[in-house]
């Protein structure tokens, strides 16, 4: 349960493992559904 909730939080961040997560809001989802052809 804790890992699921943490993953939900990470989806709103920019995180590369080395540095702490940086909150970026819906930027990941905006890119996913508008600019990422590989996701589609």
ModelCIF file with pLDDT and N, C-alpha, C, O atoms, coordinates in Angstrom:
data_MODEL
#
_entry.id   MODEL 
#
_entity.id                         1 
_entity.type                       polymer 
_entity.pdbx_number_of_molecules   1 
#
_entity_poly.entity_id                      1 
_entity_poly.type                           'polypeptide(L)' 
_entity_poly.nstd_linkage                   no 
_entity_poly.nstd_monomer                   no 
_entity_poly.pdbx_seq_one_letter_code       
;(UNK)(UNK)(UNK)(UNK)(UNK)(UNK)(UNK)(UNK)(UNK)(UNK)(UNK)(UNK)(UNK)(UNK)(UNK)(UNK)
(UNK)(UNK)(UNK)(UNK)(UNK)(UNK)(UNK)(UNK)(UNK)(UNK)(UNK)(UNK)(UNK)(UNK)(UNK)(UNK)
(UNK)(UNK)(UNK)(UNK)(UNK)(UNK)(UNK)(UNK)
;
_entity_poly.pdbx_seq_one_letter_code_can   XXXXXXXXXXXXXXXXXXXXXXXXXXXXXXXXXXXXXXXX 
_entity_poly.pdbx_strand_id                 A 
#
loop_
_entity_poly_seq.entity_id 
_entity_poly_seq.num 
_entity_poly_seq.mon_id 
_entity_poly_seq.hetero 
1 1  UNK n 
1 2  UNK n 
1 3  UNK n 
1 4  UNK n 
1 5  UNK n 
1 6  UNK n 
1 7  UNK n 
1 8  UNK n 
1 9  UNK n 
1 10 UNK n 
1 11 UNK n 
1 12 UNK n 
1 13 UNK n 
1 14 UNK n 
1 15 UNK n 
1 16 UNK n 
1 17 UNK n 
1 18 UNK n 
1 19 UNK n 
1 20 UNK n 
1 21 UNK n 
1 22 UNK n 
1 23 UNK n 
1 24 UNK n 
1 25 UNK n 
1 26 UNK n 
1 27 UNK n 
1 28 UNK n 
1 29 UNK n 
1 30 UNK n 
1 31 UNK n 
1 32 UNK n 
1 33 UNK n 
1 34 UNK n 
1 35 UNK n 
1 36 UNK n 
1 37 UNK n 
1 38 UNK n 
1 39 UNK n 
1 40 UNK n 
#
_struct_asym.id          A 
_struct_asym.entity_id   1 
#
loop_
_ma_qa_metric.id 
_ma_qa_metric.mode 
_ma_qa_metric.name 
_ma_qa_metric.software_group_id 
_ma_qa_metric.type 
1 global pLDDT . pLDDT 
2 local  pLDDT . pLDDT 
#
_ma_qa_metric_global.metric_id      1 
_ma_qa_metric_global.metric_value   93.10 
_ma_qa_metric_global.model_id       1 
_ma_qa_metric_global.ordinal_id     1 
#
loop_
_ma_qa_metric_local.label_asym_id 
_ma_qa_metric_local.label_comp_id 
_ma_qa_metric_local.label_seq_id 
_ma_qa_metric_local.metric_id 
_ma_qa_metric_local.metric_value 
_ma_qa_metric_local.model_id 
_ma_qa_metric_local.ordinal_id 
A UNK 1  2 87.00 1 1  
A UNK 2  2 86.00 1 2  
A UNK 3  2 87.00 1 3  
A UNK 4  2 88.00 1 4  
A UNK 5  2 91.00 1 5  
A UNK 6  2 91.00 1 6  
A UNK 7  2 92.00 1 7  
A UNK 8  2 93.00 1 8  
A UNK 9  2 95.00 1 9  
A UNK 10 2 94.00 1 10 
A UNK 11 2 95.00 1 11 
A UNK 12 2 96.00 1 12 
A UNK 13 2 95.00 1 13 
A UNK 14 2 95.00 1 14 
A UNK 15 2 94.00 1 15 
A UNK 16 2 91.00 1 16 
A UNK 17 2 89.00 1 17 
A UNK 18 2 88.00 1 18 
A UNK 19 2 91.00 1 19 
A UNK 20 2 92.00 1 20 
A UNK 21 2 94.00 1 21 
A UNK 22 2 94.00 1 22 
A UNK 23 2 95.00 1 23 
A UNK 24 2 95.00 1 24 
A UNK 25 2 93.00 1 25 
A UNK 26 2 94.00 1 26 
A UNK 27 2 95.00 1 27 
A UNK 28 2 95.00 1 28 
A UNK 29 2 96.00 1 29 
A UNK 30 2 95.00 1 30 
A UNK 31 2 95.00 1 31 
A UNK 32 2 95.00 1 32 
A UNK 33 2 94.00 1 33 
A UNK 34 2 94.00 1 34 
A UNK 35 2 93.00 1 35 
A UNK 36 2 94.00 1 36 
A UNK 37 2 95.00 1 37 
A UNK 38 2 96.00 1 38 
A UNK 39 2 96.00 1 39 
A UNK 40 2 96.00 1 40 
#
loop_
_atom_site.group_PDB 
_atom_site.id 
_atom_site.type_symbol 
_atom_site.label_atom_id 
_atom_site.label_alt_id 
_atom_site.label_comp_id 
_atom_site.label_asym_id 
_atom_site.label_entity_id 
_atom_site.label_seq_id 
_atom_site.pdbx_PDB_ins_code 
_atom_site.Cartn_x 
_atom_site.Cartn_y 
_atom_site.Cartn_z 
_atom_site.occupancy 
_atom_site.B_iso_or_equiv 
_atom_site.pdbx_formal_charge 
_atom_site.auth_seq_id 
_atom_site.auth_comp_id 
_atom_site.auth_asym_id 
_atom_site.auth_atom_id 
_atom_site.pdbx_PDB_model_num 
ATOM 1   N N  . UNK A 1 1  ? 0.817  -1.210 0.000   1.00 87.00 ? 1  UNK A N  1 
ATOM 2   C CA . UNK A 1 1  ? 0.000  0.000  0.000   1.00 87.00 ? 1  UNK A CA 1 
ATOM 3   C C  . UNK A 1 1  ? 0.854  1.264  0.000   1.00 87.00 ? 1  UNK A C  1 
ATOM 4   O O  . UNK A 1 1  ? 0.581  2.207  -0.743  1.00 87.00 ? 1  UNK A O  1 
ATOM 5   N N  . UNK A 1 2  ? 1.883  1.276  0.834   1.00 86.00 ? 2  UNK A N  1 
ATOM 6   C CA . UNK A 1 2  ? 2.752  2.452  0.889   1.00 86.00 ? 2  UNK A CA 1 
ATOM 7   C C  . UNK A 1 2  ? 3.465  2.699  -0.423  1.00 86.00 ? 2  UNK A C  1 
ATOM 8   O O  . UNK A 1 2  ? 3.611  3.846  -0.846  1.00 86.00 ? 2  UNK A O  1 
ATOM 9   N N  . UNK A 1 3  ? 3.913  1.627  -1.075  1.00 87.00 ? 3  UNK A N  1 
ATOM 10  C CA . UNK A 1 3  ? 4.611  1.775  -2.351  1.00 87.00 ? 3  UNK A CA 1 
ATOM 11  C C  . UNK A 1 3  ? 3.673  2.294  -3.444  1.00 87.00 ? 3  UNK A C  1 
ATOM 12  O O  . UNK A 1 3  ? 4.075  3.077  -4.305  1.00 87.00 ? 3  UNK A O  1 
ATOM 13  N N  . UNK A 1 4  ? 2.409  1.841  -3.393  1.00 88.00 ? 4  UNK A N  1 
ATOM 14  C CA . UNK A 1 4  ? 1.439  2.308  -4.377  1.00 88.00 ? 4  UNK A CA 1 
ATOM 15  C C  . UNK A 1 4  ? 1.186  3.802  -4.211  1.00 88.00 ? 4  UNK A C  1 
ATOM 16  O O  . UNK A 1 4  ? 1.166  4.547  -5.191  1.00 88.00 ? 4  UNK A O  1 
ATOM 17  N N  . UNK A 1 5  ? 0.995  4.236  -2.976  1.00 91.00 ? 5  UNK A N  1 
ATOM 18  C CA . UNK A 1 5  ? 0.776  5.657  -2.730  1.00 91.00 ? 5  UNK A CA 1 
ATOM 19  C C  . UNK A 1 5  ? 1.992  6.489  -3.106  1.00 91.00 ? 5  UNK A C  1 
ATOM 20  O O  . UNK A 1 5  ? 1.851  7.590  -3.637  1.00 91.00 ? 5  UNK A O  1 
ATOM 21  N N  . UNK A 1 6  ? 3.190  5.968  -2.834  1.00 91.00 ? 6  UNK A N  1 
ATOM 22  C CA . UNK A 1 6  ? 4.404  6.697  -3.188  1.00 91.00 ? 6  UNK A CA 1 
ATOM 23  C C  . UNK A 1 6  ? 4.562  6.790  -4.709  1.00 91.00 ? 6  UNK A C  1 
ATOM 24  O O  . UNK A 1 6  ? 5.007  7.814  -5.227  1.00 91.00 ? 6  UNK A O  1 
ATOM 25  N N  . UNK A 1 7  ? 4.199  5.726  -5.415  1.00 92.00 ? 7  UNK A N  1 
ATOM 26  C CA . UNK A 1 7  ? 4.246  5.764  -6.879  1.00 92.00 ? 7  UNK A CA 1 
ATOM 27  C C  . UNK A 1 7  ? 3.276  6.811  -7.426  1.00 92.00 ? 7  UNK A C  1 
ATOM 28  O O  . UNK A 1 7  ? 3.576  7.507  -8.396  1.00 92.00 ? 7  UNK A O  1 
ATOM 29  N N  . UNK A 1 8  ? 2.103  6.908  -6.783  1.00 93.00 ? 8  UNK A N  1 
ATOM 30  C CA . UNK A 1 8  ? 1.147  7.936  -7.189  1.00 93.00 ? 8  UNK A CA 1 
ATOM 31  C C  . UNK A 1 8  ? 1.740  9.323  -7.021  1.00 93.00 ? 8  UNK A C  1 
ATOM 32  O O  . UNK A 1 8  ? 1.554  10.188 -7.877  1.00 93.00 ? 8  UNK A O  1 
ATOM 33  N N  . UNK A 1 9  ? 2.450  9.539  -5.927  1.00 95.00 ? 9  UNK A N  1 
ATOM 34  C CA . UNK A 1 9  ? 3.109  10.834 -5.726  1.00 95.00 ? 9  UNK A CA 1 
ATOM 35  C C  . UNK A 1 9  ? 4.210  11.056 -6.757  1.00 95.00 ? 9  UNK A C  1 
ATOM 36  O O  . UNK A 1 9  ? 4.340  12.153 -7.300  1.00 95.00 ? 9  UNK A O  1 
ATOM 37  N N  . UNK A 1 10 ? 4.998  10.027 -7.028  1.00 94.00 ? 10 UNK A N  1 
ATOM 38  C CA . UNK A 1 10 ? 6.102  10.179 -7.978  1.00 94.00 ? 10 UNK A CA 1 
ATOM 39  C C  . UNK A 1 10 ? 5.613  10.526 -9.379  1.00 94.00 ? 10 UNK A C  1 
ATOM 40  O O  . UNK A 1 10 ? 6.341  11.155 -10.147 1.00 94.00 ? 10 UNK A O  1 
ATOM 41  N N  . UNK A 1 11 ? 4.387  10.126 -9.724  1.00 95.00 ? 11 UNK A N  1 
ATOM 42  C CA . UNK A 1 11 ? 3.882  10.424 -11.063 1.00 95.00 ? 11 UNK A CA 1 
ATOM 43  C C  . UNK A 1 11 ? 3.701  11.913 -11.298 1.00 95.00 ? 11 UNK A C  1 
ATOM 44  O O  . UNK A 1 11 ? 3.554  12.351 -12.439 1.00 95.00 ? 11 UNK A O  1 
ATOM 45  N N  . UNK A 1 12 ? 3.712  12.688 -10.234 1.00 96.00 ? 12 UNK A N  1 
ATOM 46  C CA . UNK A 1 12 ? 3.614  14.153 -10.360 1.00 96.00 ? 12 UNK A CA 1 
ATOM 47  C C  . UNK A 1 12 ? 4.965  14.826 -10.154 1.00 96.00 ? 12 UNK A C  1 
ATOM 48  O O  . UNK A 1 12 ? 5.028  16.028 -9.894  1.00 96.00 ? 12 UNK A O  1 
ATOM 49  N N  . UNK A 1 13 ? 6.035  14.063 -10.268 1.00 95.00 ? 13 UNK A N  1 
ATOM 50  C CA . UNK A 1 13 ? 7.367  14.615 -10.018 1.00 95.00 ? 13 UNK A CA 1 
ATOM 51  C C  . UNK A 1 13 ? 8.316  14.278 -11.159 1.00 95.00 ? 13 UNK A C  1 
ATOM 52  O O  . UNK A 1 13 ? 8.029  13.444 -12.018 1.00 95.00 ? 13 UNK A O  1 
ATOM 53  N N  . UNK A 1 14 ? 9.439  14.946 -11.135 1.00 95.00 ? 14 UNK A N  1 
ATOM 54  C CA . UNK A 1 14 ? 10.576 14.601 -11.986 1.00 95.00 ? 14 UNK A CA 1 
ATOM 55  C C  . UNK A 1 14 ? 11.627 13.962 -11.088 1.00 95.00 ? 14 UNK A C  1 
ATOM 56  O O  . UNK A 1 14 ? 12.179 14.611 -10.200 1.00 95.00 ? 14 UNK A O  1 
ATOM 57  N N  . UNK A 1 15 ? 11.895 12.684 -11.329 1.00 94.00 ? 15 UNK A N  1 
ATOM 58  C CA . UNK A 1 15 ? 12.728 11.914 -10.401 1.00 94.00 ? 15 UNK A CA 1 
ATOM 59  C C  . UNK A 1 15 ? 13.643 11.001 -11.194 1.00 94.00 ? 15 UNK A C  1 
ATOM 60  O O  . UNK A 1 15 ? 13.183 10.189 -11.996 1.00 94.00 ? 15 UNK A O  1 
ATOM 61  N N  . UNK A 1 16 ? 14.934 11.138 -10.967 1.00 91.00 ? 16 UNK A N  1 
ATOM 62  C CA . UNK A 1 16 ? 15.926 10.326 -11.685 1.00 91.00 ? 16 UNK A CA 1 
ATOM 63  C C  . UNK A 1 16 ? 16.715 9.406  -10.766 1.00 91.00 ? 16 UNK A C  1 
ATOM 64  O O  . UNK A 1 16 ? 17.808 8.968  -11.125 1.00 91.00 ? 16 UNK A O  1 
ATOM 65  N N  . UNK A 1 17 ? 16.185 9.108  -9.594  1.00 89.00 ? 17 UNK A N  1 
ATOM 66  C CA . UNK A 1 17 ? 16.774 8.218  -8.577  1.00 89.00 ? 17 UNK A CA 1 
ATOM 67  C C  . UNK A 1 17 ? 17.927 8.890  -7.836  1.00 89.00 ? 17 UNK A C  1 
ATOM 68  O O  . UNK A 1 17 ? 17.996 8.805  -6.610  1.00 89.00 ? 17 UNK A O  1 
ATOM 69  N N  . UNK A 1 18 ? 18.826 9.552  -8.549  1.00 88.00 ? 18 UNK A N  1 
ATOM 70  C CA . UNK A 1 18 ? 20.009 10.158 -7.928  1.00 88.00 ? 18 UNK A CA 1 
ATOM 71  C C  . UNK A 1 18 ? 19.622 11.386 -7.119  1.00 88.00 ? 18 UNK A C  1 
ATOM 72  O O  . UNK A 1 18 ? 20.123 11.581 -6.012  1.00 88.00 ? 18 UNK A O  1 
ATOM 73  N N  . UNK A 1 19 ? 18.740 12.213 -7.657  1.00 91.00 ? 19 UNK A N  1 
ATOM 74  C CA . UNK A 1 19 ? 18.345 13.457 -6.996  1.00 91.00 ? 19 UNK A CA 1 
ATOM 75  C C  . UNK A 1 19 ? 16.954 13.301 -6.387  1.00 91.00 ? 19 UNK A C  1 
ATOM 76  O O  . UNK A 1 19 ? 16.183 12.446 -6.821  1.00 91.00 ? 19 UNK A O  1 
ATOM 77  N N  . UNK A 1 20 ? 16.631 14.108 -5.398  1.00 92.00 ? 20 UNK A N  1 
ATOM 78  C CA . UNK A 1 20 ? 15.298 14.026 -4.783  1.00 92.00 ? 20 UNK A CA 1 
ATOM 79  C C  . UNK A 1 20 ? 14.204 14.354 -5.799  1.00 92.00 ? 20 UNK A C  1 
ATOM 80  O O  . UNK A 1 20 ? 14.450 15.102 -6.745  1.00 92.00 ? 20 UNK A O  1 
ATOM 81  N N  . UNK A 1 21 ? 13.008 13.808 -5.618  1.00 94.00 ? 21 UNK A N  1 
ATOM 82  C CA . UNK A 1 21 ? 11.910 14.112 -6.540  1.00 94.00 ? 21 UNK A CA 1 
ATOM 83  C C  . UNK A 1 21 ? 11.567 15.596 -6.541  1.00 94.00 ? 21 UNK A C  1 
ATOM 84  O O  . UNK A 1 21 ? 11.567 16.248 -5.497  1.00 94.00 ? 21 UNK A O  1 
ATOM 85  N N  . UNK A 1 22 ? 11.278 16.115 -7.723  1.00 94.00 ? 22 UNK A N  1 
ATOM 86  C CA . UNK A 1 22 ? 10.904 17.521 -7.884  1.00 94.00 ? 22 UNK A CA 1 
ATOM 87  C C  . UNK A 1 22 ? 9.473  17.580 -8.407  1.00 94.00 ? 22 UNK A C  1 
ATOM 88  O O  . UNK A 1 22 ? 9.177  17.060 -9.483  1.00 94.00 ? 22 UNK A O  1 
ATOM 89  N N  . UNK A 1 23 ? 8.598  18.207 -7.651  1.00 95.00 ? 23 UNK A N  1 
ATOM 90  C CA . UNK A 1 23 ? 7.182  18.256 -8.021  1.00 95.00 ? 23 UNK A CA 1 
ATOM 91  C C  . UNK A 1 23 ? 6.989  19.114 -9.270  1.00 95.00 ? 23 UNK A C  1 
ATOM 92  O O  . UNK A 1 23 ? 7.442  20.257 -9.327  1.00 95.00 ? 23 UNK A O  1 
ATOM 93  N N  . UNK A 1 24 ? 6.306  18.543 -10.277 1.00 95.00 ? 24 UNK A N  1 
ATOM 94  C CA . UNK A 1 24 ? 6.072  19.262 -11.531 1.00 95.00 ? 24 UNK A CA 1 
ATOM 95  C C  . UNK A 1 24 ? 4.591  19.220 -11.925 1.00 95.00 ? 24 UNK A C  1 
ATOM 96  O O  . UNK A 1 24 ? 4.248  19.568 -13.055 1.00 95.00 ? 24 UNK A O  1 
ATOM 97  N N  . UNK A 1 25 ? 3.731  18.808 -11.032 1.00 93.00 ? 25 UNK A N  1 
ATOM 98  C CA . UNK A 1 25 ? 2.302  18.811 -11.312 1.00 93.00 ? 25 UNK A CA 1 
ATOM 99  C C  . UNK A 1 25 ? 1.909  17.788 -12.362 1.00 93.00 ? 25 UNK A C  1 
ATOM 100 O O  . UNK A 1 25 ? 2.333  16.634 -12.295 1.00 93.00 ? 25 UNK A O  1 
ATOM 101 N N  . UNK A 1 26 ? 1.110  18.198 -13.326 1.00 94.00 ? 26 UNK A N  1 
ATOM 102 C CA . UNK A 1 26 ? 0.581  17.309 -14.357 1.00 94.00 ? 26 UNK A CA 1 
ATOM 103 C C  . UNK A 1 26 ? 1.453  17.258 -15.602 1.00 94.00 ? 26 UNK A C  1 
ATOM 104 O O  . UNK A 1 26 ? 1.006  16.803 -16.655 1.00 94.00 ? 26 UNK A O  1 
ATOM 105 N N  . UNK A 1 27 ? 2.686  17.719 -15.489 1.00 95.00 ? 27 UNK A N  1 
ATOM 106 C CA . UNK A 1 27 ? 3.553  17.792 -16.671 1.00 95.00 ? 27 UNK A CA 1 
ATOM 107 C C  . UNK A 1 27 ? 3.781  16.407 -17.291 1.00 95.00 ? 27 UNK A C  1 
ATOM 108 O O  . UNK A 1 27 ? 3.802  16.276 -18.515 1.00 95.00 ? 27 UNK A O  1 
ATOM 109 N N  . UNK A 1 28 ? 3.951  15.385 -16.464 1.00 95.00 ? 28 UNK A N  1 
ATOM 110 C CA . UNK A 1 28 ? 4.161  14.034 -17.002 1.00 95.00 ? 28 UNK A CA 1 
ATOM 111 C C  . UNK A 1 28 ? 2.952  13.562 -17.805 1.00 95.00 ? 28 UNK A C  1 
ATOM 112 O O  . UNK A 1 28 ? 3.102  12.991 -18.884 1.00 95.00 ? 28 UNK A O  1 
ATOM 113 N N  . UNK A 1 29 ? 1.760  13.801 -17.278 1.00 96.00 ? 29 UNK A N  1 
ATOM 114 C CA . UNK A 1 29 ? 0.551  13.352 -17.969 1.00 96.00 ? 29 UNK A CA 1 
ATOM 115 C C  . UNK A 1 29 ? 0.282  14.192 -19.218 1.00 96.00 ? 29 UNK A C  1 
ATOM 116 O O  . UNK A 1 29 ? -0.210 13.676 -20.222 1.00 96.00 ? 29 UNK A O  1 
ATOM 117 N N  . UNK A 1 30 ? 0.605  15.486 -19.154 1.00 95.00 ? 30 UNK A N  1 
ATOM 118 C CA . UNK A 1 30 ? 0.438  16.331 -20.337 1.00 95.00 ? 30 UNK A CA 1 
ATOM 119 C C  . UNK A 1 30 ? 1.325  15.854 -21.472 1.00 95.00 ? 30 UNK A C  1 
ATOM 120 O O  . UNK A 1 30 ? 0.886  15.765 -22.619 1.00 95.00 ? 30 UNK A O  1 
ATOM 121 N N  . UNK A 1 31 ? 2.570  15.549 -21.149 1.00 95.00 ? 31 UNK A N  1 
ATOM 122 C CA . UNK A 1 31 ? 3.485  15.023 -22.171 1.00 95.00 ? 31 UNK A CA 1 
ATOM 123 C C  . UNK A 1 31 ? 3.022  13.666 -22.669 1.00 95.00 ? 31 UNK A C  1 
ATOM 124 O O  . UNK A 1 31 ? 3.109  13.375 -23.862 1.00 95.00 ? 31 UNK A O  1 
ATOM 125 N N  . UNK A 1 32 ? 2.535  12.842 -21.767 1.00 95.00 ? 32 UNK A N  1 
ATOM 126 C CA . UNK A 1 32 ? 2.143  11.478 -22.103 1.00 95.00 ? 32 UNK A CA 1 
ATOM 127 C C  . UNK A 1 32 ? 1.027  11.461 -23.143 1.00 95.00 ? 32 UNK A C  1 
ATOM 128 O O  . UNK A 1 32 ? 1.067  10.674 -24.090 1.00 95.00 ? 32 UNK A O  1 
ATOM 129 N N  . UNK A 1 33 ? 0.039  12.323 -22.968 1.00 94.00 ? 33 UNK A N  1 
ATOM 130 C CA . UNK A 1 33 ? -1.152 12.273 -23.819 1.00 94.00 ? 33 UNK A CA 1 
ATOM 131 C C  . UNK A 1 33 ? -1.127 13.271 -24.978 1.00 94.00 ? 33 UNK A C  1 
ATOM 132 O O  . UNK A 1 33 ? -2.031 13.265 -25.814 1.00 94.00 ? 33 UNK A O  1 
ATOM 133 N N  . UNK A 1 34 ? -0.112 14.122 -25.036 1.00 94.00 ? 34 UNK A N  1 
ATOM 134 C CA . UNK A 1 34 ? -0.095 15.120 -26.111 1.00 94.00 ? 34 UNK A CA 1 
ATOM 135 C C  . UNK A 1 34 ? 1.158  15.069 -26.981 1.00 94.00 ? 34 UNK A C  1 
ATOM 136 O O  . UNK A 1 34 ? 1.090  15.387 -28.168 1.00 94.00 ? 34 UNK A O  1 
ATOM 137 N N  . UNK A 1 35 ? 2.301  14.676 -26.417 1.00 93.00 ? 35 UNK A N  1 
ATOM 138 C CA . UNK A 1 35 ? 3.547  14.769 -27.183 1.00 93.00 ? 35 UNK A CA 1 
ATOM 139 C C  . UNK A 1 35 ? 4.312  13.455 -27.298 1.00 93.00 ? 35 UNK A C  1 
ATOM 140 O O  . UNK A 1 35 ? 5.271  13.377 -28.066 1.00 93.00 ? 35 UNK A O  1 
ATOM 141 N N  . UNK A 1 36 ? 3.924  12.442 -26.571 1.00 94.00 ? 36 UNK A N  1 
ATOM 142 C CA . UNK A 1 36 ? 4.687  11.193 -26.559 1.00 94.00 ? 36 UNK A CA 1 
ATOM 143 C C  . UNK A 1 36 ? 4.069  10.189 -27.527 1.00 94.00 ? 36 UNK A C  1 
ATOM 144 O O  . UNK A 1 36 ? 3.110  9.497  -27.184 1.00 94.00 ? 36 UNK A O  1 
ATOM 145 N N  . UNK A 1 37 ? 4.620  10.111 -28.734 1.00 95.00 ? 37 UNK A N  1 
ATOM 146 C CA . UNK A 1 37 ? 4.104  9.175  -29.732 1.00 95.00 ? 37 UNK A CA 1 
ATOM 147 C C  . UNK A 1 37 ? 4.384  7.722  -29.346 1.00 95.00 ? 37 UNK A C  1 
ATOM 148 O O  . UNK A 1 37 ? 3.615  6.827  -29.698 1.00 95.00 ? 37 UNK A O  1 
ATOM 149 N N  . UNK A 1 38 ? 5.475  7.488  -28.628 1.00 96.00 ? 38 UNK A N  1 
ATOM 150 C CA . UNK A 1 38 ? 5.796  6.115  -28.233 1.00 96.00 ? 38 UNK A CA 1 
ATOM 151 C C  . UNK A 1 38 ? 4.808  5.586  -27.201 1.00 96.00 ? 38 UNK A C  1 
ATOM 152 O O  . UNK A 1 38 ? 4.509  4.392  -27.182 1.00 96.00 ? 38 UNK A O  1 
ATOM 153 N N  . UNK A 1 39 ? 4.301  6.463  -26.345 1.00 96.00 ? 39 UNK A N  1 
ATOM 154 C CA . UNK A 1 39 ? 3.289  6.026  -25.385 1.00 96.00 ? 39 UNK A CA 1 
ATOM 155 C C  . UNK A 1 39 ? 2.025  5.599  -26.115 1.00 96.00 ? 39 UNK A C  1 
ATOM 156 O O  . UNK A 1 39 ? 1.431  4.572  -25.787 1.00 96.00 ? 39 UNK A O  1 
ATOM 157 N N  . UNK A 1 40 ? 1.612  6.387  -27.108 1.00 96.00 ? 40 UNK A N  1 
ATOM 158 C CA . UNK A 1 40 ? 0.439  6.018  -27.901 1.00 96.00 ? 40 UNK A CA 1 
ATOM 159 C C  . UNK A 1 40 ? 0.675  4.708  -28.644 1.00 96.00 ? 40 UNK A C  1 
ATOM 160 O O  . UNK A 1 40 ? -0.206 4.239  -29.364 1.00 96.00 ? 40 UNK A O  1 
#
